[in-house]
Amino acid sequence: MLDIADELHRWVEQGRDFAVATVVAVGGSAPRQPGAALAVDSEGTAIGSVSGGCVEGAVYELCRQALEDGEPVLERFGYSDDDAFAVGLTCGGVIDILVTPVRASDTAVRGVLAGALGAAATGEAAALARVVSGPGELMGRALLVRPGGSYEGGFGGHPELDRTVVGEAAAFLDTGRTGTVEIGEQGSRCGSPLTVLIESSVPAPRMIVFGAIDFASALVRMGKFLGYRVTVCDARPVFATAARFPDADEIIVEWPHKYLERTEVDGRTVLCVLTHDAKFDVPLLQLALRLPVAYVGAMGSRRTHLDRNDRLREVGVTELELARLRSPIGLDLGARTPEEVAVSIASQIVADCRGGTGVSLTGAHTPIHHESGAARRIDSVA
């Protein structure tokens, strides 16, 4: 649901009634992951998507019905090949969708959802937890967890359940994950089970591009397209300018390794070293390869790559650390222009961060959509 937070937050502020359909579990080659959502307001306006088009019409009608009935509903959609006109996923996957009405009269749940949507719309960190399978009186209830463990909302007279979900949601928030957990109805690991969907809203991941060259300008645009907060860093003020990089979120004039020493990075950060100059690259990569970041890539010819690796070994970089380095940077696409090279680098980043192979899907037997560890099937559907 947080993927359409901007528009939904406006709907809340305008006092609209709406129903939101959220993907809560997937199986097989499903087109969208848990957390993807479609919402319909009382006037019939729709935003978002849960399947890329396969079952949108049926989900739209479920939203209209939920608004009328005022009750949440959990529905499963799977592949249908017996009837060409049946509603199903043409890709062959299975998705479970929770449809929740959000009415102005339901102040408790609406307040929690408004807080989550507001946080997501403004780039704040928060995790929204909702019961998606379990006792009817808990269906659709919500709890919002913020950094530090403070929370709003709850599951109505089940303090142990609240505490357990807060702990689970805080763990999801720390890593920016979205997915489901199964716990006991009273908050323990035993007893009648219920399933909770936890959606994390975290600030955009960082892409730091070192080297203010023409290829960097194209990569900045590609990074923004992929949803990164992009920083360009170069020690040369004549090149590191806003005029050359209008799409960058920030431009830093500083020696690259000095900047990397003082800036914040995390497990979602990607570092792209495009300077291909040993005096910049060696101290920068010596530090970068020891940081807990998602990706480190460095531009250069194969000759430059071999020379750079020797220099890194001389300053104490281990073979295990060198194995993290993507150099020469990017996938082999035959790229020549800065824009093509940016696509090559971005493709490698996506493959590394999502667990892809980087090979052509044509003739391959690998999954088209790689299932994350957090995405799990719900075995029983209400």
Protein backbone atom coordinates (compact mmCIF):
# COMPACT_ATOMS: atom_id res chain seq x y z
CA MET A 1 0.00 0.00 0.00
CA LEU A 2 2.88 2.34 0.72
CA ASP A 3 3.89 2.23 -2.96
CA ILE A 4 0.95 4.59 -3.70
CA ALA A 5 1.31 6.60 -0.50
CA ASP A 6 1.44 10.04 -2.11
CA GLU A 7 -2.01 9.80 -3.69
CA LEU A 8 -3.58 7.87 -0.82
CA HIS A 9 -2.32 10.47 1.65
CA ARG A 10 -4.11 13.16 -0.37
CA TRP A 11 -7.28 11.07 -0.29
CA VAL A 12 -7.08 10.84 3.51
CA GLU A 13 -6.52 14.58 3.85
CA GLN A 14 -9.51 15.21 1.56
CA GLY A 15 -11.68 12.97 3.73
CA ARG A 16 -12.42 10.45 1.00
CA ASP A 17 -13.64 6.93 1.71
CA PHE A 18 -11.69 4.29 -0.22
CA ALA A 19 -10.78 0.62 -0.28
CA VAL A 20 -7.23 -0.57 -0.79
CA ALA A 21 -6.28 -3.96 -2.23
CA THR A 22 -2.80 -5.10 -1.20
CA VAL A 23 -0.76 -8.06 -2.42
CA VAL A 24 0.03 -9.99 0.77
CA ALA A 25 1.64 -13.15 -0.63
CA VAL A 26 2.82 -14.50 -3.97
CA GLY A 27 3.73 -17.83 -5.51
CA GLY A 28 5.29 -18.79 -8.81
CA SER A 29 5.80 -16.18 -11.52
CA ALA A 30 3.61 -13.50 -9.98
CA PRO A 31 4.12 -10.04 -11.54
CA ARG A 32 4.18 -7.97 -8.33
CA GLN A 33 5.51 -8.53 -4.82
CA PRO A 34 3.85 -8.17 -1.37
CA GLY A 35 2.97 -4.56 -0.62
CA ALA A 36 1.88 -3.66 -4.17
CA ALA A 37 -1.55 -2.07 -4.05
CA LEU A 38 -4.57 -0.81 -5.95
CA ALA A 39 -7.04 1.62 -4.34
CA VAL A 40 -10.54 2.70 -5.34
CA ASP A 41 -12.41 5.63 -3.83
CA SER A 42 -16.17 6.07 -3.40
CA GLU A 43 -16.39 7.85 -6.77
CA GLY A 44 -14.82 4.90 -8.57
CA THR A 45 -11.41 6.49 -9.13
CA ALA A 46 -8.63 3.89 -9.16
CA ILE A 47 -4.87 4.20 -8.60
CA GLY A 48 -2.07 1.65 -8.43
CA SER A 49 -1.80 -1.93 -9.60
CA VAL A 50 -1.64 -5.41 -8.09
CA SER A 51 -0.95 -7.57 -11.14
CA GLY A 52 0.20 -5.49 -14.07
CA GLY A 53 -3.27 -5.82 -15.62
CA CYS A 54 -4.22 -9.51 -15.32
CA VAL A 55 -6.81 -9.25 -12.55
CA GLU A 56 -7.20 -5.50 -12.10
CA GLY A 57 -10.86 -5.52 -13.16
CA ALA A 58 -11.84 -8.19 -10.65
CA VAL A 59 -9.89 -6.49 -7.85
CA TYR A 60 -11.53 -3.17 -8.71
CA GLU A 61 -14.94 -4.78 -8.17
CA LEU A 62 -13.78 -6.31 -4.88
CA CYS A 63 -12.79 -2.83 -3.71
CA ARG A 64 -16.19 -1.40 -4.66
CA GLN A 65 -17.92 -4.23 -2.80
CA ALA A 66 -15.72 -3.82 0.29
CA LEU A 67 -16.56 -0.13 0.40
CA GLU A 68 -20.25 -1.01 0.31
CA ASP A 69 -20.04 -3.85 2.87
CA GLY A 70 -17.47 -2.26 5.17
CA GLU A 71 -15.70 -5.61 5.65
CA PRO A 72 -12.17 -6.69 4.64
CA VAL A 73 -11.79 -9.70 2.37
CA LEU A 74 -8.86 -11.94 1.42
CA GLU A 75 -8.96 -13.36 -2.11
CA ARG A 76 -6.63 -15.64 -4.07
CA PHE A 77 -6.01 -15.33 -7.81
CA GLY A 78 -4.17 -18.03 -9.72
CA TYR A 79 -3.54 -19.26 -13.23
CA SER A 80 -6.60 -20.22 -15.28
CA ASP A 81 -6.20 -22.05 -18.60
CA ASP A 82 -9.49 -23.95 -18.82
CA ASP A 83 -11.62 -20.91 -19.55
CA ALA A 84 -10.19 -18.11 -21.68
CA PHE A 85 -12.53 -15.63 -20.03
CA ALA A 86 -11.86 -16.68 -16.44
CA VAL A 87 -10.23 -14.17 -14.12
CA GLY A 88 -6.69 -15.34 -13.41
CA LEU A 89 -3.01 -14.55 -13.76
CA THR A 90 -1.89 -15.23 -17.30
CA CYS A 91 1.73 -15.48 -16.11
CA GLY A 92 1.03 -18.66 -14.18
CA GLY A 93 1.59 -17.35 -10.67
CA VAL A 94 -0.61 -17.04 -7.60
CA ILE A 95 -1.30 -13.91 -5.57
CA ASP A 96 -3.24 -13.39 -2.36
CA ILE A 97 -4.88 -9.98 -2.05
CA LEU A 98 -6.29 -8.32 1.05
CA VAL A 99 -8.99 -5.73 0.37
CA THR A 100 -9.56 -3.29 3.24
CA PRO A 101 -12.20 -0.54 3.34
CA VAL A 102 -10.93 2.73 4.82
CA ARG A 103 -13.85 4.88 5.88
CA ALA A 104 -13.81 8.26 7.58
CA SER A 105 -16.06 6.81 10.28
CA ASP A 106 -13.45 4.20 11.28
CA THR A 107 -11.20 6.68 13.06
CA ALA A 108 -8.90 4.17 14.76
CA VAL A 109 -7.71 2.24 11.68
CA ARG A 110 -7.87 5.32 9.45
CA GLY A 111 -5.63 7.23 11.87
CA VAL A 112 -2.98 4.50 11.81
CA LEU A 113 -3.09 4.26 8.02
CA ALA A 114 -2.91 8.06 7.73
CA GLY A 115 0.24 8.05 9.85
CA ALA A 116 1.83 5.36 7.68
CA LEU A 117 0.87 7.09 4.44
CA GLY A 118 2.12 10.43 5.71
CA ALA A 119 5.48 8.92 6.68
CA ALA A 120 5.86 7.21 3.31
CA ALA A 121 4.84 10.32 1.38
CA THR A 122 7.47 12.43 3.15
CA GLY A 123 10.26 9.86 3.04
CA GLU A 124 10.23 9.05 6.77
CA ALA A 125 10.97 5.62 8.16
CA ALA A 126 7.99 3.63 9.45
CA ALA A 127 6.55 0.11 9.30
CA LEU A 128 2.85 -0.69 8.91
CA ALA A 129 1.63 -4.07 10.23
CA ARG A 130 -1.80 -5.46 9.34
CA VAL A 131 -3.47 -8.78 10.13
CA VAL A 132 -4.26 -10.46 6.81
CA SER A 133 -5.25 -13.96 7.94
CA GLY A 134 -6.70 -15.04 11.27
CA PRO A 135 -9.70 -14.35 13.51
CA GLY A 136 -12.32 -12.19 11.85
CA GLU A 137 -12.25 -9.50 14.56
CA LEU A 138 -8.54 -8.90 13.89
CA MET A 139 -8.73 -8.78 10.09
CA GLY A 140 -7.62 -5.42 8.74
CA ARG A 141 -6.49 -4.04 12.10
CA ALA A 142 -3.26 -2.08 11.88
CA LEU A 143 -0.27 -1.01 13.92
CA LEU A 144 2.35 1.59 12.93
CA VAL A 145 5.92 1.26 14.20
CA ARG A 146 8.44 4.09 14.01
CA PRO A 147 12.24 4.02 14.50
CA GLY A 148 13.10 3.47 18.13
CA GLY A 149 10.14 1.17 18.75
CA SER A 150 7.34 3.68 19.41
CA TYR A 151 4.04 2.66 17.87
CA GLU A 152 0.46 3.69 17.19
CA GLY A 153 -2.67 1.58 16.92
CA GLY A 154 -2.90 -2.05 17.92
CA PHE A 155 -4.95 -5.21 17.76
CA GLY A 156 -7.68 -4.44 20.29
CA GLY A 157 -7.11 -5.87 23.75
CA HIS A 158 -4.16 -8.11 22.89
CA PRO A 159 -1.13 -6.38 24.46
CA GLU A 160 1.17 -9.39 24.06
CA LEU A 161 0.26 -9.60 20.39
CA ASP A 162 0.98 -5.87 20.04
CA ARG A 163 4.42 -6.29 21.62
CA THR A 164 5.29 -9.25 19.40
CA VAL A 165 4.24 -7.47 16.23
CA VAL A 166 6.13 -4.31 17.24
CA GLY A 167 9.29 -6.38 17.60
CA GLU A 168 8.79 -8.08 14.23
CA ALA A 169 7.99 -4.80 12.50
CA ALA A 170 11.05 -3.10 14.00
CA ALA A 171 13.24 -5.87 12.57
CA PHE A 172 11.65 -5.45 9.13
CA LEU A 173 12.13 -1.69 9.34
CA ASP A 174 15.83 -2.03 10.14
CA THR A 175 16.40 -3.72 6.78
CA GLY A 176 13.68 -1.96 4.77
CA ARG A 177 11.85 -5.24 4.08
CA THR A 178 8.22 -5.96 3.27
CA GLY A 179 6.70 -9.40 3.84
CA THR A 180 4.60 -11.60 6.11
CA VAL A 181 5.16 -13.29 9.46
CA GLU A 182 3.08 -15.94 11.20
CA ILE A 183 2.57 -15.77 14.96
CA GLY A 184 0.12 -17.09 17.52
CA GLU A 185 -3.16 -15.29 18.09
CA GLN A 186 -2.05 -14.14 21.55
CA GLY A 187 1.41 -13.06 20.38
CA SER A 188 3.31 -16.24 21.15
CA ARG A 189 4.72 -18.73 18.66
CA CYS A 190 2.08 -21.28 19.61
CA GLY A 191 -1.70 -21.28 19.54
CA SER A 192 -4.07 -20.43 16.72
CA PRO A 193 -1.93 -18.82 14.00
CA LEU A 194 -2.49 -15.52 12.28
CA THR A 195 -0.56 -13.88 9.45
CA VAL A 196 0.66 -10.29 9.60
CA LEU A 197 1.79 -8.26 6.59
CA ILE A 198 4.54 -5.79 7.43
CA GLU A 199 5.27 -2.99 4.94
CA SER A 200 8.38 -0.90 5.48
CA SER A 201 8.70 2.69 4.35
CA VAL A 202 12.30 3.83 4.37
CA PRO A 203 14.17 6.74 2.77
CA ALA A 204 15.33 6.14 -0.78
CA PRO A 205 18.56 4.10 -1.03
CA ARG A 206 21.71 5.99 -1.94
CA MET A 207 23.74 5.87 -5.13
CA ILE A 208 27.09 7.65 -4.85
CA VAL A 209 28.80 8.31 -8.18
CA PHE A 210 32.49 9.15 -7.89
CA GLY A 211 33.91 10.97 -10.90
CA ALA A 212 32.16 13.90 -12.61
CA ILE A 213 32.55 12.66 -16.18
CA ASP A 214 30.08 12.43 -19.09
CA PHE A 215 29.28 8.81 -18.27
CA ALA A 216 28.40 9.93 -14.74
CA SER A 217 25.74 12.33 -16.01
CA ALA A 218 23.88 9.51 -17.75
CA LEU A 219 24.27 7.23 -14.73
CA VAL A 220 22.82 9.92 -12.45
CA ARG A 221 19.69 10.05 -14.61
CA MET A 222 19.44 6.27 -14.56
CA GLY A 223 19.90 6.18 -10.79
CA LYS A 224 17.07 8.66 -10.29
CA PHE A 225 14.87 6.57 -12.60
CA LEU A 226 15.55 3.52 -10.40
CA GLY A 227 14.55 5.44 -7.27
CA TYR A 228 17.95 6.21 -5.75
CA ARG A 229 18.98 9.38 -3.98
CA VAL A 230 22.02 10.23 -6.08
CA THR A 231 25.19 12.00 -4.97
CA VAL A 232 28.02 12.99 -7.32
CA CYS A 233 31.46 13.40 -5.73
CA ASP A 234 34.62 14.68 -7.40
CA ALA A 235 37.68 16.53 -6.10
CA ARG A 236 37.71 18.85 -9.14
CA PRO A 237 35.36 21.83 -8.72
CA VAL A 238 35.45 22.72 -12.40
CA PHE A 239 33.69 19.44 -13.25
CA ALA A 240 31.50 18.84 -10.19
CA THR A 241 28.84 21.47 -10.89
CA ALA A 242 25.06 21.66 -10.81
CA ALA A 243 25.06 22.75 -14.46
CA ARG A 244 26.69 19.45 -15.47
CA PHE A 245 24.55 17.31 -13.15
CA PRO A 246 21.11 18.91 -12.85
CA ASP A 247 19.47 15.60 -11.89
CA ALA A 248 21.75 14.88 -8.91
CA ASP A 249 20.32 15.28 -5.41
CA GLU A 250 23.63 16.64 -4.20
CA ILE A 251 27.08 17.43 -5.57
CA ILE A 252 30.14 17.15 -3.36
CA VAL A 253 33.53 18.70 -4.17
CA GLU A 254 35.94 16.65 -2.07
CA TRP A 255 38.47 13.88 -2.40
CA PRO A 256 36.30 10.75 -2.86
CA HIS A 257 37.76 8.67 -0.03
CA LYS A 258 37.51 11.59 2.39
CA TYR A 259 33.83 12.01 1.57
CA LEU A 260 33.14 8.28 1.88
CA GLU A 261 34.80 8.26 5.30
CA ARG A 262 32.32 10.81 6.70
CA THR A 263 29.06 10.07 4.88
CA GLU A 264 26.40 7.55 5.93
CA VAL A 265 25.96 4.33 3.95
CA ASP A 266 23.99 1.16 4.59
CA GLY A 267 23.20 -2.23 3.12
CA ARG A 268 21.20 -0.67 0.25
CA THR A 269 23.86 1.85 -0.85
CA VAL A 270 25.54 1.42 -4.25
CA LEU A 271 28.94 2.94 -5.00
CA CYS A 272 29.96 3.59 -8.62
CA VAL A 273 33.60 4.60 -9.13
CA LEU A 274 34.00 6.19 -12.56
CA THR A 275 37.23 8.15 -12.01
CA HIS A 276 39.56 5.38 -13.32
CA ASP A 277 42.52 7.28 -11.89
CA ALA A 278 44.70 5.42 -9.40
CA LYS A 279 45.25 8.40 -7.11
CA PHE A 280 41.47 8.55 -6.55
CA ASP A 281 40.53 4.91 -7.01
CA VAL A 282 42.94 3.13 -4.69
CA PRO A 283 42.20 4.94 -1.40
CA LEU A 284 38.51 5.05 -2.28
CA LEU A 285 38.17 1.35 -3.10
CA GLN A 286 40.37 0.35 -0.16
CA LEU A 287 37.66 1.84 2.06
CA ALA A 288 34.61 0.99 -0.06
CA LEU A 289 35.34 -2.74 -0.23
CA ARG A 290 35.27 -2.93 3.58
CA LEU A 291 31.92 -1.19 3.99
CA PRO A 292 28.57 -3.04 4.36
CA VAL A 293 27.12 -1.69 1.10
CA ALA A 294 25.10 -3.45 -1.59
CA TYR A 295 27.36 -2.84 -4.58
CA VAL A 296 30.82 -1.51 -5.46
CA GLY A 297 31.69 -1.08 -9.13
CA ALA A 298 34.67 0.59 -10.80
CA MET A 299 35.11 1.77 -14.39
CA GLY A 300 38.21 1.05 -16.45
CA SER A 301 39.71 -1.11 -19.15
CA ARG A 302 40.78 -4.65 -18.36
CA ARG A 303 44.36 -3.40 -18.22
CA THR A 304 43.35 -0.67 -15.77
CA HIS A 305 41.43 -3.26 -13.76
CA LEU A 306 44.45 -5.57 -13.40
CA ASP A 307 46.77 -2.69 -12.49
CA ARG A 308 44.26 -1.35 -9.98
CA ASN A 309 43.85 -4.75 -8.33
CA ASP A 310 47.63 -5.02 -7.91
CA ARG A 311 47.72 -1.59 -6.29
CA LEU A 312 44.85 -2.54 -3.96
CA ARG A 313 46.66 -5.71 -2.90
CA GLU A 314 49.74 -3.63 -2.11
CA VAL A 315 47.74 -1.54 0.38
CA GLY A 316 46.33 -4.61 2.12
CA VAL A 317 43.05 -5.35 0.33
CA THR A 318 42.40 -9.09 0.58
CA GLU A 319 41.28 -11.43 -2.19
CA LEU A 320 37.93 -11.86 -0.43
CA GLU A 321 37.45 -8.08 -0.43
CA LEU A 322 38.51 -7.83 -4.09
CA ALA A 323 35.89 -10.44 -4.98
CA ARG A 324 33.21 -7.87 -4.07
CA LEU A 325 34.44 -5.44 -6.73
CA ARG A 326 32.49 -5.30 -10.00
CA SER A 327 35.24 -4.29 -12.40
CA PRO A 328 35.17 -3.56 -15.26
CA ILE A 329 31.82 -2.14 -14.19
CA GLY A 330 28.53 -3.21 -15.82
CA LEU A 331 27.15 -6.08 -17.87
CA ASP A 332 28.31 -6.95 -21.38
CA LEU A 333 25.65 -5.22 -23.52
CA GLY A 334 28.00 -3.94 -26.20
CA ALA A 335 27.40 -0.46 -24.80
CA ARG A 336 29.22 2.53 -26.32
CA THR A 337 27.37 5.77 -25.56
CA PRO A 338 27.15 7.20 -22.03
CA GLU A 339 23.45 6.30 -21.95
CA GLU A 340 24.12 2.72 -23.02
CA VAL A 341 26.89 2.39 -20.44
CA ALA A 342 24.49 3.71 -17.78
CA VAL A 343 22.00 0.97 -18.75
CA SER A 344 24.82 -1.60 -18.51
CA ILE A 345 25.81 -0.43 -15.01
CA ALA A 346 22.20 -0.16 -13.82
CA SER A 347 21.47 -3.66 -15.10
CA GLN A 348 24.34 -5.08 -13.08
CA ILE A 349 23.20 -3.21 -9.98
CA VAL A 350 19.66 -4.58 -10.31
CA ALA A 351 20.96 -8.11 -10.92
CA ASP A 352 23.28 -7.97 -7.91
CA CYS A 353 20.73 -6.46 -5.56
CA ARG A 354 17.86 -8.70 -6.68
CA GLY A 355 19.76 -11.94 -7.10
CA GLY A 356 19.51 -12.05 -10.89
CA THR A 357 21.95 -13.85 -13.18
CA GLY A 358 22.31 -11.18 -15.84
CA VAL A 359 21.76 -13.73 -18.63
CA SER A 360 19.13 -13.42 -21.35
CA LEU A 361 15.70 -14.76 -20.34
CA THR A 362 15.29 -16.17 -23.83
CA GLY A 363 16.12 -19.86 -23.62
CA ALA A 364 16.97 -19.65 -19.92
CA HIS A 365 15.28 -21.69 -17.22
CA THR A 366 15.74 -19.20 -14.40
CA PRO A 367 12.74 -17.51 -12.70
CA ILE A 368 11.54 -14.32 -14.38
CA HIS A 369 10.57 -12.80 -11.03
CA HIS A 370 12.98 -13.72 -8.22
CA GLU A 371 11.08 -14.29 -4.99
CA SER A 372 12.55 -12.46 -2.03
CA GLY A 373 13.05 -14.13 1.32
CA ALA A 374 10.27 -12.04 2.79
CA ALA A 375 7.68 -13.09 0.22
CA ARG A 376 5.86 -16.19 1.40
CA ARG A 377 2.66 -17.93 0.46
CA ILE A 378 -0.36 -17.92 2.74
CA ASP A 379 -1.46 -21.53 3.03
CA SER A 380 -5.05 -20.87 3.98
CA VAL A 381 -7.17 -18.15 2.48
CA ALA A 382 -10.22 -16.78 4.23
